[in-house]
Amino acid sequence: MKKFTSLLALFLICFGITASAQTIESIGQNITDPATQLTDGTYVLLKNVEKGYLYVGKNFLLQSNATAPVVGTGTEYIWKVSVREDGMVAFYATDGRLIGRPNFKQPANSLKTVKQMGAWNVVEKYGTTTNWQLHVKWTYNDNPHEFILATNNAGNLVAEKVSNPSANAAFEIIPVVVAKTQDQKDVEAIVTAWTGLEKYAGGIADLKPINACKTKAEAEAAVKAAVKNPIDDTEYFQILNVKSGKALNAVNGALSSVEASAFDANQLWKLGKNAEGKYTLLHVNYNQFAQSPGTNALAAAEVVLDVKGMDLAQWSLSTAGTNFLTLNADGTVGSATAATEEGAQWYLVPKKDLKVALTPVYAADGTTVVDAWGSIYLPFDATCGNSAAPFELYGVSAAGDGVATLQKLTDLKTQGVKVGKGLIIHAVAKSDGNFQLEYGFKIGKNAKNATEDQSWNLLSGTNVEKAVEGTEYVLGLKDGKVAGLYAPKAEILKVNKAFFVPTTAAVNGFRFDFGETTGIEAVAPVEEANAVYYDLSGRRVLTPSNGVYIKNGKKVYVK
């Protein structure tokens, strides 16, 4: 005979539900497997097969009634199921007390308080797949006791000996759906409104205490107590517009907006707090401050802003509480006269990580990734992430005679990006042969300053838009396959990417070879990267040098 153990505790779950407010919304079919069908937070009817439905009668007397409760009624018949972590199941009544230990063959006097009870229950199969016995076990003076719940001829709940149960000890357990009270609906609405906001400054990390509140007023008070001023001036923030979801950034020294991304360091800001509790808004890449809303150009002058929390983890940014930073419908940054105007509400997102997307190298089939590379340059130190996938990070340590040397960082737990130094990121194939095409760095409070000396590293970069001067070599792929440092085709260098400026005579580019110390050999110009060359015997040459070749049907000489 299969059985499972549960705590028989028939008392009210205090969710602010009054006995007169809780009613049945729908009634299901008898359960056939309590161990799997009795789930936490659900409701049931307990029906004695001989006398009817168990309910809380006058003076808290537990009785049974042959008349079935119907939809819209049934307050005194409802029992709530609670499943503990150890698998025990408890039944709770809506009267606020716990069932007493009935005298054998005598009615239960009344429901007791929790401290007066302390008994354990076993639900055991009785005859058929839908009938069950409710065994109650407890210990008194170190002596174990057990009885079975049943009903007497009057329909009152009594106890029977385990060794001699009667037909009155069989129960059916019927699932029901209970209509929510208005308080429940109000609390649920508050929890729903705050769900998903925990990642924002002013969000609530743990909503369980709010969800357990009895009334709307209690939930609102719990929210107020849970929301603290979370702005830490040592953190980096991403500032997202509530209306559009776009992130505040800066382009050409002026405020702008862009789609939010975990890969874009140009979306990072710092909020510096002064003695009066007000803030300056520093764009990290430009190292300049946002000015009064309406003036989009960044500047070196510090402008104090009121950064005030609103409802649902939203914030307003203003000067003197009258001029509010806003994002217009067309994505341009402007100003508003009130924090309630559309586009004037913002989320402040503490950023602890920054991702870097790597460029894949494909095999001849065009789909299989055989290699992946990326680069990074930041205005702050960043620690390497704890990626399970293998990666290699390099700097350039020497250059001369058309050859540069890559030096690999040896300890990614303590090493990383140093201010003013670029790095090249190389993904290594995982054990399954696949490549991870992104790498994460820890930033802000989440980062430990990279402790190694990188004065040897010749890789530089830019944190702002910078016109190509003709001396820079950036990470790229020749013919989509050969990773190396090449002269950029674009006229503007990419922000937060590394580049290399050799001190030797200019060359067309550098190709990577693998190894702990890797030579980078001079290759064809980047603008020639897509051209096809053949030697005089008609064989294709991927990297022509110092000779005569066939290109586009004509002989050419490559130095």
Protein backbone atom coordinates (compact mmCIF):
# COMPACT_ATOMS: atom_id res chain seq x y z
CA MET A 1 0.00 0.00 0.00
CA LYS A 2 1.63 3.17 -1.22
CA LYS A 3 1.55 6.23 1.01
CA PHE A 4 3.18 9.60 1.35
CA THR A 5 3.64 11.84 4.34
CA SER A 6 2.15 15.29 4.86
CA LEU A 7 1.69 17.76 7.66
CA LEU A 8 -2.02 17.94 8.49
CA ALA A 9 -2.42 21.58 9.38
CA LEU A 10 -5.90 22.85 8.74
CA PHE A 11 -5.49 26.59 9.34
CA LEU A 12 -5.80 29.86 7.47
CA ILE A 13 -3.02 31.06 5.20
CA CYS A 14 -3.01 34.69 6.11
CA PHE A 15 -2.98 36.36 2.72
CA GLY A 16 -5.52 38.88 3.89
CA ILE A 17 -8.36 36.58 2.79
CA THR A 18 -11.44 36.78 4.94
CA ALA A 19 -13.78 33.80 5.26
CA SER A 20 -16.61 35.68 3.58
CA ALA A 21 -14.49 36.71 0.58
CA GLN A 22 -13.08 33.37 -0.58
CA THR A 23 -15.31 31.40 -2.93
CA ILE A 24 -15.07 28.54 -5.43
CA GLU A 25 -14.58 29.48 -9.08
CA SER A 26 -14.55 25.94 -10.56
CA ILE A 27 -14.49 22.29 -9.40
CA GLY A 28 -12.29 19.57 -10.91
CA GLN A 29 -12.16 15.77 -10.91
CA ASN A 30 -11.08 13.61 -7.97
CA ILE A 31 -7.33 13.24 -7.76
CA THR A 32 -5.85 9.76 -8.31
CA ASP A 33 -2.28 10.42 -7.16
CA PRO A 34 -1.84 12.87 -4.26
CA ALA A 35 1.96 12.71 -4.51
CA THR A 36 1.92 14.36 -7.93
CA GLN A 37 -1.45 16.11 -8.07
CA LEU A 38 -1.34 17.96 -4.77
CA THR A 39 0.77 20.97 -5.79
CA ASP A 40 1.76 23.98 -3.74
CA GLY A 41 -0.73 26.84 -3.69
CA THR A 42 -3.67 24.90 -5.09
CA TYR A 43 -7.03 24.32 -3.38
CA VAL A 44 -9.09 21.19 -2.70
CA LEU A 45 -12.33 19.90 -1.17
CA LEU A 46 -12.06 17.00 1.32
CA LYS A 47 -15.09 14.74 0.90
CA ASN A 48 -15.86 11.93 3.30
CA VAL A 49 -17.33 9.16 1.13
CA GLU A 50 -20.02 8.34 3.72
CA LYS A 51 -21.02 11.70 5.17
CA GLY A 52 -19.99 14.35 2.69
CA TYR A 53 -17.78 17.40 2.45
CA LEU A 54 -15.57 18.42 5.36
CA TYR A 55 -16.21 22.00 6.47
CA VAL A 56 -15.68 24.31 9.42
CA GLY A 57 -18.91 24.57 11.36
CA LYS A 58 -20.12 26.58 14.32
CA ASN A 59 -17.56 27.16 17.07
CA PHE A 60 -14.84 25.90 14.71
CA LEU A 61 -16.28 22.37 14.84
CA LEU A 62 -15.15 20.25 11.88
CA GLN A 63 -18.19 18.63 10.32
CA SER A 64 -19.32 17.07 7.05
CA ASN A 65 -22.23 17.86 4.78
CA ALA A 66 -23.66 15.72 2.02
CA THR A 67 -24.66 18.80 0.03
CA ALA A 68 -21.89 19.67 -2.39
CA PRO A 69 -20.62 23.25 -2.42
CA VAL A 70 -21.22 25.07 -5.69
CA VAL A 71 -19.38 27.69 -7.71
CA GLY A 72 -19.61 31.12 -6.08
CA THR A 73 -19.89 29.68 -2.55
CA GLY A 74 -17.95 27.26 -0.39
CA THR A 75 -15.80 29.45 1.84
CA GLU A 76 -15.92 27.05 4.78
CA TYR A 77 -15.23 24.00 2.54
CA ILE A 78 -12.01 25.23 0.95
CA TRP A 79 -8.62 23.78 1.93
CA LYS A 80 -5.37 25.14 0.59
CA VAL A 81 -2.45 22.85 -0.26
CA SER A 82 1.10 23.76 0.73
CA VAL A 83 3.97 21.52 -0.37
CA ARG A 84 7.13 21.89 1.70
CA GLU A 85 10.67 21.48 0.37
CA ASP A 86 10.84 17.98 1.84
CA GLY A 87 7.69 16.94 -0.04
CA MET A 88 5.34 17.08 2.97
CA VAL A 89 1.87 18.37 2.18
CA ALA A 90 -0.21 20.58 4.46
CA PHE A 91 -3.93 21.39 4.13
CA TYR A 92 -5.03 24.82 5.36
CA ALA A 93 -8.57 25.89 6.25
CA THR A 94 -10.01 29.37 5.91
CA ASP A 95 -10.89 29.79 9.58
CA GLY A 96 -7.39 30.46 10.87
CA ARG A 97 -6.86 27.44 13.12
CA LEU A 98 -5.39 23.97 13.12
CA ILE A 99 -7.44 20.81 13.59
CA GLY A 100 -7.35 19.34 17.08
CA ARG A 101 -6.68 15.73 18.02
CA PRO A 102 -10.19 14.25 18.30
CA ASN A 103 -10.97 11.72 21.00
CA PHE A 104 -11.57 8.29 19.56
CA LYS A 105 -15.17 8.02 18.30
CA GLN A 106 -15.90 11.45 19.77
CA PRO A 107 -16.36 14.76 17.92
CA ALA A 108 -13.47 17.14 17.69
CA ASN A 109 -14.01 19.91 20.20
CA SER A 110 -12.62 22.69 18.03
CA LEU A 111 -9.77 23.71 15.79
CA LYS A 112 -6.60 24.49 17.72
CA THR A 113 -3.79 26.95 17.26
CA VAL A 114 -0.60 25.86 15.54
CA LYS A 115 1.38 25.55 18.78
CA GLN A 116 -1.28 23.33 20.33
CA MET A 117 -1.13 20.75 17.56
CA GLY A 118 2.13 19.59 15.98
CA ALA A 119 0.90 16.40 14.31
CA TRP A 120 1.93 14.62 11.10
CA ASN A 121 -0.41 13.25 8.46
CA VAL A 122 -0.16 10.31 6.07
CA VAL A 123 -2.46 10.11 3.04
CA GLU A 124 -2.88 6.44 2.24
CA LYS A 125 -4.81 4.67 -0.51
CA TYR A 126 -8.12 3.29 0.70
CA GLY A 127 -9.72 0.67 -1.49
CA THR A 128 -9.98 2.53 -4.80
CA THR A 129 -7.77 4.96 -6.69
CA THR A 130 -9.89 7.95 -5.62
CA ASN A 131 -10.40 7.15 -1.92
CA TRP A 132 -7.81 8.09 0.67
CA GLN A 133 -7.20 7.78 4.41
CA LEU A 134 -5.87 10.75 6.38
CA HIS A 135 -3.55 9.43 9.09
CA VAL A 136 -2.40 11.81 11.82
CA LYS A 137 0.84 11.11 13.69
CA TRP A 138 2.38 12.97 16.61
CA THR A 139 4.76 12.43 19.49
CA TYR A 140 3.91 13.06 23.15
CA ASN A 141 6.48 12.51 25.92
CA ASP A 142 8.70 10.84 23.32
CA ASN A 143 5.95 8.34 22.58
CA PRO A 144 4.62 8.13 19.00
CA HIS A 145 0.87 8.31 18.40
CA GLU A 146 -1.26 7.84 15.32
CA PHE A 147 -4.94 7.91 14.38
CA ILE A 148 -7.10 8.05 11.26
CA LEU A 149 -9.56 10.87 10.63
CA ALA A 150 -13.15 9.79 10.08
CA THR A 151 -16.71 11.01 10.63
CA ASN A 152 -19.29 9.73 13.07
CA ASN A 153 -22.97 9.16 12.42
CA ALA A 154 -23.68 12.83 13.11
CA GLY A 155 -21.17 13.86 10.49
CA ASN A 156 -18.65 15.30 12.92
CA LEU A 157 -14.93 14.69 12.48
CA VAL A 158 -13.57 12.01 14.83
CA ALA A 159 -10.52 9.80 15.20
CA GLU A 160 -10.32 6.07 14.61
CA LYS A 161 -7.62 3.58 15.46
CA VAL A 162 -5.29 2.68 12.63
CA SER A 163 -5.82 -1.01 13.35
CA ASN A 164 -9.60 -0.80 12.93
CA PRO A 165 -10.66 1.81 10.37
CA SER A 166 -14.29 2.05 9.25
CA ALA A 167 -15.84 3.02 5.94
CA ASN A 168 -16.23 6.49 7.44
CA ALA A 169 -12.43 6.91 7.25
CA ALA A 170 -12.36 7.17 3.43
CA PHE A 171 -12.00 10.59 1.76
CA GLU A 172 -11.99 11.90 -1.75
CA ILE A 173 -9.72 14.86 -2.57
CA ILE A 174 -11.21 17.15 -5.20
CA PRO A 175 -9.25 20.04 -6.74
CA VAL A 176 -10.95 23.42 -7.02
CA VAL A 177 -10.04 26.85 -8.34
CA VAL A 178 -10.65 29.63 -5.82
CA ALA A 179 -11.71 33.07 -6.99
CA LYS A 180 -9.22 35.74 -6.04
CA THR A 181 -10.21 38.40 -3.57
CA GLN A 182 -9.78 42.06 -4.43
CA ASP A 183 -6.84 42.26 -2.03
CA GLN A 184 -5.22 39.31 -3.76
CA LYS A 185 -5.74 40.94 -7.14
CA ASP A 186 -4.28 44.23 -5.91
CA VAL A 187 -1.20 42.57 -4.42
CA GLU A 188 -0.74 40.45 -7.55
CA ALA A 189 -0.94 43.57 -9.73
CA ILE A 190 1.78 45.27 -7.66
CA VAL A 191 4.04 42.21 -7.88
CA THR A 192 3.44 41.94 -11.64
CA ALA A 193 4.27 45.62 -12.14
CA TRP A 194 7.63 45.20 -10.36
CA THR A 195 8.52 41.87 -11.97
CA GLY A 196 11.50 42.13 -14.31
CA LEU A 197 12.72 45.44 -12.86
CA GLU A 198 15.27 43.91 -10.48
CA LYS A 199 18.12 44.60 -12.92
CA TYR A 200 17.45 48.34 -12.79
CA ALA A 201 18.57 50.78 -10.11
CA GLY A 202 15.62 51.12 -7.75
CA GLY A 203 14.24 47.69 -8.63
CA ILE A 204 13.34 45.03 -6.07
CA ALA A 205 15.53 41.93 -6.04
CA ASP A 206 13.19 39.75 -3.95
CA LEU A 207 9.44 40.09 -4.50
CA LYS A 208 8.45 37.24 -2.17
CA PRO A 209 7.81 39.52 0.86
CA ILE A 210 5.57 41.74 -1.28
CA ASN A 211 3.75 38.72 -2.69
CA ALA A 212 3.02 37.52 0.87
CA CYS A 213 1.33 40.77 1.88
CA LYS A 214 -2.31 40.65 2.94
CA THR A 215 -3.57 43.91 1.47
CA LYS A 216 -2.77 46.48 -1.15
CA ALA A 217 -1.72 48.95 1.56
CA GLU A 218 0.68 46.43 3.09
CA ALA A 219 2.16 45.64 -0.34
CA GLU A 220 2.67 49.33 -1.10
CA ALA A 221 4.38 49.80 2.27
CA ALA A 222 6.60 46.78 1.61
CA VAL A 223 7.58 48.18 -1.78
CA LYS A 224 8.49 51.51 -0.22
CA ALA A 225 10.66 49.77 2.37
CA ALA A 226 12.35 47.58 -0.26
CA VAL A 227 13.28 50.39 -2.68
CA LYS A 228 16.51 52.05 -1.62
CA ASN A 229 18.65 54.73 -3.26
CA PRO A 230 20.88 52.39 -5.26
CA ILE A 231 23.09 54.87 -7.15
CA ASP A 232 26.73 54.02 -6.56
CA ASP A 233 29.19 56.51 -8.04
CA THR A 234 31.76 53.74 -8.45
CA GLU A 235 29.53 51.86 -10.87
CA TYR A 236 29.08 52.23 -14.61
CA PHE A 237 25.51 52.71 -15.80
CA GLN A 238 23.58 52.19 -18.99
CA ILE A 239 20.74 54.73 -19.25
CA LEU A 240 17.67 53.36 -21.03
CA ASN A 241 14.63 55.37 -22.05
CA VAL A 242 11.49 53.79 -20.60
CA LYS A 243 9.31 54.72 -23.57
CA SER A 244 11.55 53.56 -26.44
CA GLY A 245 13.99 51.20 -24.72
CA LYS A 246 16.87 52.96 -26.47
CA ALA A 247 20.13 53.72 -24.70
CA LEU A 248 21.61 57.17 -24.18
CA ASN A 249 25.03 57.49 -25.81
CA ALA A 250 27.22 60.13 -27.44
CA VAL A 251 28.28 60.57 -31.06
CA ASN A 252 30.65 63.29 -32.25
CA GLY A 253 30.62 64.78 -28.77
CA ALA A 254 26.82 65.16 -28.51
CA LEU A 255 24.03 63.22 -26.82
CA SER A 256 22.30 60.67 -29.00
CA SER A 257 20.40 57.41 -28.68
CA VAL A 258 20.97 53.92 -30.00
CA GLU A 259 19.53 50.44 -29.58
CA ALA A 260 20.57 49.06 -26.20
CA SER A 261 23.44 46.58 -26.36
CA ALA A 262 25.60 44.65 -23.92
CA PHE A 263 28.45 44.96 -26.45
CA ASP A 264 28.66 48.77 -26.68
CA ALA A 265 31.01 50.58 -24.25
CA ASN A 266 29.86 53.86 -25.78
CA GLN A 267 26.63 53.46 -23.80
CA LEU A 268 28.40 53.61 -20.42
CA TRP A 269 27.99 56.55 -18.00
CA LYS A 270 29.09 57.40 -14.47
CA LEU A 271 26.97 59.30 -11.96
CA GLY A 272 29.14 61.36 -9.64
CA LYS A 273 27.45 62.38 -6.38
CA ASN A 274 28.20 65.67 -4.63
CA ALA A 275 27.72 66.70 -1.00
CA GLU A 276 24.17 67.94 -1.69
CA GLY A 277 23.11 64.54 -3.02
CA LYS A 278 22.97 65.70 -6.63
CA TYR A 279 24.84 64.18 -9.52
CA THR A 280 26.99 64.85 -12.54
CA LEU A 281 26.55 62.67 -15.61
CA LEU A 282 29.88 61.66 -17.17
CA HIS A 283 30.14 59.93 -20.53
CA VAL A 284 32.89 57.39 -19.93
CA ASN A 285 34.33 57.22 -23.45
CA TYR A 286 34.48 60.98 -23.99
CA ASN A 287 35.33 61.74 -20.35
CA GLN A 288 33.03 64.75 -20.60
CA PHE A 289 29.81 65.72 -18.85
CA ALA A 290 26.23 66.01 -19.99
CA GLN A 291 25.07 69.60 -19.76
CA SER A 292 21.67 71.05 -18.91
CA PRO A 293 18.92 69.18 -20.84
CA GLY A 294 18.39 70.87 -24.18
CA THR A 295 22.13 71.38 -24.60
CA ASN A 296 23.21 68.12 -26.22
CA ALA A 297 26.91 68.81 -26.60
CA LEU A 298 29.13 67.21 -23.96
CA ALA A 299 31.63 69.49 -22.22
CA ALA A 300 34.40 69.41 -19.66
CA ALA A 301 32.37 71.58 -17.27
CA GLU A 302 30.55 69.68 -14.53
CA VAL A 303 26.82 70.38 -14.55
CA VAL A 304 24.83 69.26 -11.51
CA LEU A 305 21.64 67.31 -12.20
CA ASP A 306 18.71 66.26 -10.04
CA VAL A 307 18.49 62.48 -10.41
CA LYS A 308 15.27 61.46 -8.69
CA GLY A 309 13.62 58.09 -8.33
CA MET A 310 10.07 57.65 -9.56
CA ASP A 311 7.71 54.69 -9.36
CA LEU A 312 8.66 51.29 -10.83
CA ALA A 313 12.45 51.85 -10.87
CA GLN A 314 12.15 54.85 -13.17
CA TRP A 315 14.25 58.01 -12.87
CA SER A 316 14.15 61.60 -14.00
CA LEU A 317 17.22 63.70 -14.82
CA SER A 318 16.80 67.45 -14.65
CA THR A 319 18.31 70.78 -13.72
CA ALA A 320 16.54 72.57 -10.88
CA GLY A 321 13.61 70.18 -11.25
CA THR A 322 12.23 72.11 -14.22
CA ASN A 323 14.27 71.07 -17.25
CA PHE A 324 14.09 67.31 -17.80
CA LEU A 325 16.17 65.14 -20.09
CA THR A 326 13.89 63.46 -22.62
CA LEU A 327 14.06 61.31 -25.72
CA ASN A 328 11.93 62.46 -28.62
CA ALA A 329 9.93 60.13 -30.85
CA ASP A 330 12.53 60.44 -33.62
CA GLY A 331 15.33 59.30 -31.29
CA THR A 332 16.86 62.72 -30.76
CA VAL A 333 17.62 63.93 -27.24
CA GLY A 334 15.73 66.96 -25.97
CA SER A 335 14.21 68.50 -22.88
CA ALA A 336 10.80 68.53 -21.21
CA THR A 337 9.20 70.76 -18.58
CA ALA A 338 7.90 67.91 -16.40
CA ALA A 339 9.09 64.46 -15.38
CA THR A 340 5.73 63.03 -16.40
CA GLU A 341 6.06 64.04 -20.04
CA GLU A 342 6.43 61.22 -22.53
CA GLY A 343 10.05 60.20 -23.01
CA ALA A 344 11.29 61.86 -19.80
CA GLN A 345 11.52 58.65 -17.75
CA TRP A 346 14.71 56.57 -17.68
CA TYR A 347 16.02 53.29 -16.31
CA LEU A 348 19.49 53.30 -14.73
CA VAL A 349 21.12 49.92 -15.32
CA PRO A 350 24.25 49.09 -13.27
CA LYS A 351 26.68 47.39 -15.66
CA LYS A 352 29.07 44.83 -14.28
CA ASP A 353 30.04 43.17 -17.54
CA LEU A 354 30.91 44.23 -21.08
CA LYS A 355 30.79 41.83 -24.00
CA VAL A 356 32.96 41.82 -27.12
CA ALA A 357 31.68 40.24 -30.33
CA LEU A 358 34.23 38.19 -32.26
CA THR A 359 34.40 37.96 -36.04
CA PRO A 360 34.19 34.34 -37.26
CA VAL A 361 36.41 32.81 -39.91
CA TYR A 362 34.53 30.29 -42.05
CA ALA A 363 35.65 27.16 -43.83
CA ALA A 364 35.21 26.75 -47.58
CA ASP A 365 31.57 25.68 -47.07
CA GLY A 366 30.80 29.18 -45.79
CA THR A 367 29.02 27.94 -42.66
CA THR A 368 31.54 26.05 -40.51
CA VAL A 369 33.43 28.36 -38.14
CA VAL A 370 37.13 27.50 -37.98
CA ASP A 371 38.46 30.53 -36.11
CA ALA A 372 37.30 33.78 -34.45
CA TRP A 373 38.95 37.11 -33.56
CA GLY A 374 38.12 40.41 -31.90
CA SER A 375 39.77 43.42 -30.29
CA ILE A 376 39.10 45.79 -27.39
CA TYR A 377 40.28 49.19 -26.16
CA LEU A 378 38.71 50.85 -23.10
CA PRO A 379 39.08 54.03 -21.02
CA PHE A 380 39.19 51.94 -17.82
CA ASP A 381 40.69 48.69 -16.55
CA ALA A 382 38.62 45.55 -17.09
CA THR A 383 39.19 42.05 -15.77
CA CYS A 384 38.89 39.00 -18.00
CA GLY A 385 35.63 37.11 -17.56
CA ASN A 386 35.25 33.58 -16.21
CA SER A 387 34.36 31.98 -19.52
CA ALA A 388 34.19 28.20 -19.70
CA ALA A 389 35.20 28.41 -23.35
CA PRO A 390 38.94 28.76 -24.18
CA PHE A 391 40.25 32.14 -25.29
CA GLU A 392 43.63 33.77 -25.86
CA LEU A 393 44.39 37.47 -25.35
CA TYR A 394 47.33 39.16 -27.06
CA GLY A 395 49.18 42.44 -27.16
CA VAL A 396 51.87 43.51 -29.65
CA SER A 397 55.25 43.54 -27.91
CA ALA A 398 57.68 44.40 -30.70
CA ALA A 399 57.84 45.43 -34.35
CA GLY A 400 60.60 45.83 -36.92
CA ASP A 401 61.59 44.89 -40.46
CA GLY A 402 57.98 44.25 -41.42
CA VAL A 403 57.36 41.76 -38.60
CA ALA A 404 55.42 42.35 -35.38
CA THR A 405 55.33 40.03 -32.36
CA LEU A 406 52.21 39.02 -30.46
CA GLN A 407 52.64 38.38 -26.73
CA LYS A 408 49.95 36.34 -25.01
CA LEU A 409 48.53 37.19 -21.59
CA THR A 410 49.28 34.17 -19.45
CA ASP A 411 46.82 34.44 -16.54
CA LEU A 412 43.32 35.52 -17.50
CA LYS A 413 42.19 35.42 -13.84
CA THR A 414 44.29 38.45 -12.95
CA GLN A 415 44.98 40.05 -16.31
CA GLY A 416 42.84 42.06 -18.64
CA VAL A 417 42.42 45.43 -20.29
CA LYS A 418 44.64 48.26 -19.07
CA VAL A 419 43.79 51.91 -19.68
CA GLY A 420 45.42 53.06 -22.90
CA LYS A 421 46.28 49.53 -24.08
CA GLY A 422 44.46 47.52 -26.71
CA LEU A 423 44.12 43.75 -26.78
CA ILE A 424 43.42 41.15 -29.47
CA ILE A 425 41.00 38.36 -28.48
CA HIS A 426 41.29 34.94 -30.09
CA ALA A 427 38.71 32.19 -29.57
CA VAL A 428 40.01 28.63 -29.39
CA ALA A 429 37.86 25.68 -30.41
CA LYS A 430 35.96 24.10 -27.52
CA SER A 431 36.04 20.36 -26.88
CA ASP A 432 33.07 19.92 -29.21
CA GLY A 433 34.86 21.77 -32.00
CA ASN A 434 32.64 24.85 -31.81
CA PHE A 435 33.70 28.43 -31.11
CA GLN A 436 32.20 30.96 -28.71
CA LEU A 437 31.75 34.19 -30.65
CA GLU A 438 31.65 36.58 -27.72
CA TYR A 439 33.91 37.34 -24.79
CA GLY A 440 32.95 39.07 -21.55
CA PHE A 441 34.98 41.45 -19.40
CA LYS A 442 34.16 42.40 -15.81
CA ILE A 443 33.88 46.14 -15.32
CA GLY A 444 33.19 48.60 -12.50
CA LYS A 445 32.90 47.13 -9.00
CA ASN A 446 32.73 43.66 -10.53
CA ALA A 447 36.27 44.04 -11.90
CA LYS A 448 39.61 43.70 -10.23
CA ASN A 449 42.23 46.01 -11.69
CA ALA A 450 44.50 44.18 -14.09
CA THR A 451 47.67 43.85 -12.05
CA GLU A 452 50.23 42.93 -14.70
CA ASP A 453 52.47 45.49 -16.33
CA GLN A 454 51.54 46.09 -19.97
CA SER A 455 54.05 48.79 -20.76
CA TRP A 456 55.40 46.38 -23.39
CA ASN A 457 52.07 46.38 -25.27
CA LEU A 458 52.20 48.53 -28.42
CA LEU A 459 48.50 48.15 -29.24
CA SER A 460 46.56 51.37 -28.85
CA GLY A 461 43.01 52.37 -29.82
CA THR A 462 40.42 55.09 -29.58
CA ASN A 463 37.44 55.73 -27.30
CA VAL A 464 35.90 58.38 -29.57
CA GLU A 465 35.33 58.80 -33.28
CA LYS A 466 38.71 59.35 -34.94
CA ALA A 467 39.59 59.97 -38.57
CA VAL A 468 42.03 57.51 -40.11
CA GLU A 469 45.48 59.08 -40.42
CA GLY A 470 46.97 56.36 -42.60
CA THR A 471 49.32 54.98 -39.99
CA GLU A 472 46.88 52.68 -38.15
CA TYR A 473 46.47 48.95 -38.66
CA VAL A 474 43.25 47.36 -37.39
CA LEU A 475 42.16 43.78 -36.86
CA GLY A 476 40.57 42.35 -39.98
CA LEU A 477 40.17 39.31 -42.21
CA LYS A 478 41.90 39.07 -45.60
CA ASP A 479 39.64 37.28 -48.09
CA GLY A 480 37.36 36.64 -45.11
CA LYS A 481 39.79 34.02 -43.87
CA VAL A 482 43.23 35.33 -42.90
CA ALA A 483 43.18 37.28 -39.63
CA GLY A 484 45.68 40.09 -39.37
CA LEU A 485 46.30 43.79 -38.88
CA TYR A 486 45.41 45.72 -42.02
CA ALA A 487 44.99 49.30 -43.12
CA PRO A 488 41.31 50.16 -42.53
CA LYS A 489 39.02 50.73 -45.51
CA ALA A 490 36.75 53.06 -43.52
CA GLU A 491 37.60 56.71 -43.01
CA ILE A 492 36.66 56.64 -39.31
CA LEU A 493 38.21 54.25 -36.80
CA LYS A 494 35.77 52.16 -34.75
CA VAL A 495 35.27 53.20 -31.14
CA ASN A 496 36.68 50.92 -28.40
CA LYS A 497 38.64 48.82 -30.90
CA ALA A 498 42.39 48.32 -30.81
CA PHE A 499 44.78 49.42 -33.54
CA PHE A 500 48.52 49.21 -34.09
CA VAL A 501 50.82 52.03 -35.22
CA PRO A 502 54.28 50.68 -36.14
CA THR A 503 57.33 52.84 -35.65
CA THR A 504 59.05 51.29 -38.66
CA ALA A 505 58.50 52.12 -42.32
CA ALA A 506 54.91 51.71 -43.48
CA VAL A 507 53.87 48.29 -44.82
CA ASN A 508 50.63 47.11 -46.36
CA GLY A 509 49.56 44.92 -43.46
CA PHE A 510 50.48 42.11 -41.09
CA ARG A 511 49.25 38.53 -41.11
CA PHE A 512 49.03 36.40 -37.97
CA ASP A 513 50.81 33.10 -37.42
CA PHE A 514 50.02 30.97 -34.37
CA GLY A 515 52.34 30.39 -31.42
CA GLU A 516 53.14 31.63 -27.94
CA THR A 517 55.13 34.41 -29.61
CA THR A 518 53.57 34.97 -33.00
CA GLY A 519 55.21 36.60 -35.98
CA ILE A 520 53.08 38.92 -38.12
CA GLU A 521 54.41 39.03 -41.64
CA ALA A 522 53.95 41.75 -44.23
CA VAL A 523 51.13 40.99 -46.71
CA ALA A 524 49.36 42.59 -49.63
CA PRO A 525 47.49 45.87 -49.17
CA VAL A 526 44.01 45.61 -47.74
CA GLU A 527 42.47 47.15 -50.84
CA GLU A 528 43.95 44.24 -52.79
CA ALA A 529 42.54 41.69 -50.37
CA ASN A 530 39.69 40.62 -52.66
CA ALA A 531 41.76 40.47 -55.84
CA VAL A 532 42.67 37.05 -57.32
CA TYR A 533 46.31 36.39 -58.30
CA TYR A 534 47.84 33.52 -60.30
CA ASP A 535 51.50 32.67 -60.86
CA LEU A 536 52.82 32.24 -64.42
CA SER A 537 51.98 28.51 -64.25
CA GLY A 538 48.29 29.31 -63.63
CA ARG A 539 48.24 28.37 -59.94
CA ARG A 540 46.28 30.64 -57.61
CA VAL A 541 48.40 32.58 -55.10
CA LEU A 542 46.72 33.80 -51.91
CA THR A 543 49.57 36.04 -50.77
CA PRO A 544 51.61 37.39 -53.70
CA SER A 545 54.97 39.02 -52.99
CA ASN A 546 58.14 40.00 -54.92
CA GLY A 547 57.33 38.71 -58.37
CA VAL A 548 55.24 38.75 -61.54
CA TYR A 549 51.65 37.50 -61.32
CA ILE A 550 48.49 37.37 -63.42
CA LYS A 551 45.69 39.63 -62.10
CA ASN A 552 42.46 40.23 -63.98
CA GLY A 553 44.04 38.70 -67.11
CA LYS A 554 47.06 41.02 -67.01
CA LYS A 555 50.62 40.64 -65.83
CA VAL A 556 51.42 42.69 -62.72
CA TYR A 557 54.53 43.04 -60.62
CA VAL A 558 54.16 42.85 -56.85
CA LYS A 559 57.00 44.19 -54.73
